[in-house]
């Protein structure tokens, strides 16, 4: 009687330890970064040139607009590019803002808010173009049921605990009877 119970207990213990959640799928890793203005001119240790200083100023203005837009509750993500005219010419600065709005955000008022922020940072003479993307609705998946192996392992552990409690009770009863003699 003891041998089958031990085998069943060991099998259920092994089954419980062998059942674990499947490993999360690993992606290919971060995408390689493209060469943009920040990658080319963002390092302040570079030898200063007029073009480099202008590019760093453009990067700083774009980051300032992005930080200001991140404060808005209707904006999920913003990517901004600023192009200043060369110093020798009289041109208008250009701002391109790609903004992803929240699911419940009012898309009609979002460009006006972005325009206000861009004009406050770059100046009122800036030509601002705003592109609004809508955030996709959150994907709601139903919960997965427990795998059969995990359920069987839990059932085995429950059986093992029941047998252990029953044997402890019998052993305690036998010890009490011996103590009375």
Protein backbone atom coordinates (compact mmCIF):
# COMPACT_ATOMS: atom_id res chain seq x y z
CA UNK A 1 0.00 0.00 0.00
CA UNK A 2 2.85 2.39 0.76
CA UNK A 3 4.70 1.88 -2.51
CA UNK A 4 1.82 2.90 -4.87
CA UNK A 5 1.08 5.97 -2.74
CA UNK A 6 4.74 7.03 -2.85
CA UNK A 7 4.88 6.52 -6.59
CA UNK A 8 1.70 8.53 -7.06
CA UNK A 9 3.02 11.27 -4.76
CA UNK A 10 6.35 11.45 -6.58
CA UNK A 11 4.62 11.44 -9.96
CA UNK A 12 2.32 14.27 -8.93
CA UNK A 13 5.24 16.24 -7.49
CA UNK A 14 7.22 15.73 -10.69
CA UNK A 15 4.21 16.77 -12.74
CA UNK A 16 3.71 19.92 -10.68
CA UNK A 17 7.37 20.89 -11.04
CA UNK A 18 7.42 20.08 -14.75
CA UNK A 19 4.41 22.29 -15.46
CA UNK A 20 5.40 25.88 -15.90
CA UNK A 21 4.20 28.76 -17.97
CA UNK A 22 5.48 28.75 -21.53
CA UNK A 23 8.42 31.03 -22.15
CA UNK A 24 7.52 34.44 -23.52
CA UNK A 25 8.36 34.73 -27.19
CA UNK A 26 11.41 36.86 -27.75
CA UNK A 27 11.44 39.29 -30.59
CA UNK A 28 14.35 39.95 -32.86
CA UNK A 29 15.49 42.76 -30.55
CA UNK A 30 15.46 46.50 -30.98
CA UNK A 31 15.42 47.78 -34.52
CA UNK A 32 18.62 49.41 -35.66
CA UNK A 33 18.46 53.16 -35.30
CA UNK A 34 18.31 55.14 -38.49
CA UNK A 35 20.68 58.00 -39.13
CA UNK A 36 18.69 61.10 -38.27
CA UNK A 37 19.58 64.57 -37.11
CA UNK A 38 19.97 63.50 -33.49
CA UNK A 39 22.33 60.68 -34.45
CA UNK A 40 24.44 62.89 -36.70
CA UNK A 41 24.58 66.16 -34.75
CA UNK A 42 23.29 65.36 -31.26
CA UNK A 43 26.70 64.79 -29.70
CA UNK A 44 27.87 68.12 -28.21
CA UNK A 45 31.48 66.95 -28.15
CA UNK A 46 31.70 67.30 -31.92
CA UNK A 47 33.71 70.17 -33.36
CA UNK A 48 31.22 73.04 -33.58
CA UNK A 49 30.25 74.13 -37.05
CA UNK A 50 27.44 76.39 -38.17
CA UNK A 51 25.50 73.46 -39.59
CA UNK A 52 26.04 71.40 -36.43
CA UNK A 53 24.96 74.23 -34.15
CA UNK A 54 21.84 74.83 -36.23
CA UNK A 55 21.02 71.10 -36.21
CA UNK A 56 21.47 70.95 -32.41
CA UNK A 57 19.17 73.96 -32.07
CA UNK A 58 16.58 72.24 -34.28
CA UNK A 59 16.85 69.06 -32.18
CA UNK A 60 16.43 71.04 -28.95
CA UNK A 61 13.34 72.83 -30.28
CA UNK A 62 11.81 69.56 -31.49
CA UNK A 63 12.43 67.89 -28.13
CA UNK A 64 10.90 70.84 -26.32
CA UNK A 65 7.74 70.58 -28.44
CA UNK A 66 7.60 66.79 -27.86
CA UNK A 67 7.88 67.28 -24.08
CA UNK A 68 5.16 69.93 -24.12
CA UNK A 69 2.84 67.68 -26.15
CA UNK A 70 3.48 64.73 -23.83
CA UNK A 71 1.81 66.70 -21.03
CA UNK A 72 -1.49 66.84 -22.92
CA UNK A 73 -3.84 64.03 -21.83
CA UNK A 74 -5.20 63.54 -25.36
CA UNK A 75 -1.71 62.83 -26.81
CA UNK A 76 -0.28 59.32 -26.55
CA UNK A 77 2.87 59.89 -28.56
CA UNK A 78 4.38 62.77 -30.54
CA UNK A 79 7.29 62.93 -32.97
CA UNK A 80 8.40 66.39 -34.08
CA UNK A 81 10.90 67.64 -36.63
CA UNK A 82 11.96 71.29 -36.84
CA UNK A 83 13.82 72.85 -39.75
CA UNK A 84 15.18 76.33 -39.31
CA UNK A 85 16.05 78.42 -42.38
CA UNK A 86 19.75 79.07 -43.05
CA UNK A 87 20.98 82.25 -41.35
CA UNK A 88 21.80 83.98 -44.65
CA UNK A 89 18.25 83.63 -45.97
CA UNK A 90 14.99 85.04 -44.74
CA UNK A 91 12.70 82.07 -44.47
CA UNK A 92 10.15 80.69 -42.10
CA UNK A 93 10.95 77.83 -39.75
CA UNK A 94 9.05 74.64 -40.58
CA UNK A 95 7.63 72.23 -38.02
CA UNK A 96 6.26 68.79 -38.79
CA UNK A 97 4.45 67.06 -35.93
CA UNK A 98 3.14 63.50 -36.13
CA UNK A 99 0.85 63.01 -33.15
CA UNK A 100 -0.94 59.87 -32.02
CA UNK A 101 -4.09 60.78 -30.15
CA UNK A 102 -5.74 58.76 -27.42
CA UNK A 103 -8.63 56.49 -28.34
CA UNK A 104 -11.21 58.76 -26.73
CA UNK A 105 -9.51 62.04 -27.78
CA UNK A 106 -11.27 64.66 -29.88
CA UNK A 107 -9.30 64.60 -33.14
CA UNK A 108 -10.66 67.92 -34.36
CA UNK A 109 -9.13 69.95 -31.51
CA UNK A 110 -5.76 68.15 -31.46
CA UNK A 111 -4.16 70.00 -34.44
CA UNK A 112 -5.06 73.38 -32.91
CA UNK A 113 -3.38 72.40 -29.63
CA UNK A 114 -0.25 71.20 -31.44
CA UNK A 115 -0.19 74.42 -33.47
CA UNK A 116 -0.41 76.51 -30.29
CA UNK A 117 2.46 74.61 -28.65
CA UNK A 118 4.65 74.76 -31.77
CA UNK A 119 4.09 78.51 -32.18
CA UNK A 120 4.88 79.06 -28.50
CA UNK A 121 8.20 77.21 -28.79
CA UNK A 122 9.45 78.09 -32.28
CA UNK A 123 7.66 81.39 -32.86
CA UNK A 124 4.43 82.62 -34.43
CA UNK A 125 5.97 82.86 -37.91
CA UNK A 126 6.63 79.10 -38.11
CA UNK A 127 4.84 77.02 -40.73
CA UNK A 128 3.39 74.08 -38.81
CA UNK A 129 2.05 70.88 -40.34
CA UNK A 130 0.25 68.43 -38.05
CA UNK A 131 -0.53 64.81 -38.85
CA UNK A 132 -2.85 63.03 -36.42
CA UNK A 133 -2.90 59.25 -36.04
CA UNK A 134 -5.58 57.46 -34.14
CA UNK A 135 -4.49 54.95 -31.51
CA UNK A 136 -5.81 51.46 -32.13
CA UNK A 137 -8.37 50.15 -29.69
CA UNK A 138 -6.82 47.96 -27.01
CA UNK A 139 -6.90 44.28 -27.90
CA UNK A 140 -8.82 42.35 -25.28
CA UNK A 141 -8.10 38.67 -25.33
CA UNK A 142 -10.06 36.21 -23.26
CA UNK A 143 -8.13 34.61 -20.45
CA UNK A 144 -6.58 31.28 -21.32
CA UNK A 145 -7.79 28.30 -19.33
CA UNK A 146 -5.29 26.44 -17.21
CA UNK A 147 -3.32 23.89 -19.18
CA UNK A 148 -4.36 20.31 -18.52
CA UNK A 149 -0.94 19.40 -17.17
CA UNK A 150 -1.01 22.18 -14.59
CA UNK A 151 -4.52 21.16 -13.50
CA UNK A 152 -3.41 17.55 -13.17
CA UNK A 153 -0.37 18.63 -11.14
CA UNK A 154 -2.51 20.67 -8.77
CA UNK A 155 -4.92 17.74 -8.42
CA UNK A 156 -1.98 15.45 -7.64
CA UNK A 157 -0.62 17.83 -5.03
CA UNK A 158 -4.05 17.99 -3.44
CA UNK A 159 -4.20 14.20 -3.33
CA UNK A 160 -0.69 14.08 -1.87
CA UNK A 161 -1.61 16.62 0.83
CA UNK A 162 -4.74 14.62 1.69
CA UNK A 163 -2.76 11.40 2.07
CA UNK A 164 -0.16 13.21 4.17
CA UNK A 165 -2.83 14.62 6.49
CA UNK A 166 -4.53 11.24 6.83
CA UNK A 167 -1.26 9.49 7.69
CA UNK A 168 -0.37 12.21 10.21
CA UNK A 169 -3.76 11.80 11.86
CA UNK A 170 -3.34 8.00 12.06
CA UNK A 171 0.21 8.29 13.38
CA UNK A 172 -0.88 10.80 16.01
CA UNK A 173 -3.73 8.49 17.04
CA UNK A 174 -1.29 5.56 17.35
CA UNK A 175 1.07 7.67 19.47
CA UNK A 176 -1.75 8.73 21.78
CA UNK A 177 -2.81 5.08 22.23
CA UNK A 178 0.79 4.08 23.06
CA UNK A 179 1.14 6.95 25.51
CA UNK A 180 -2.00 5.80 27.38
CA UNK A 181 -0.64 2.25 27.89
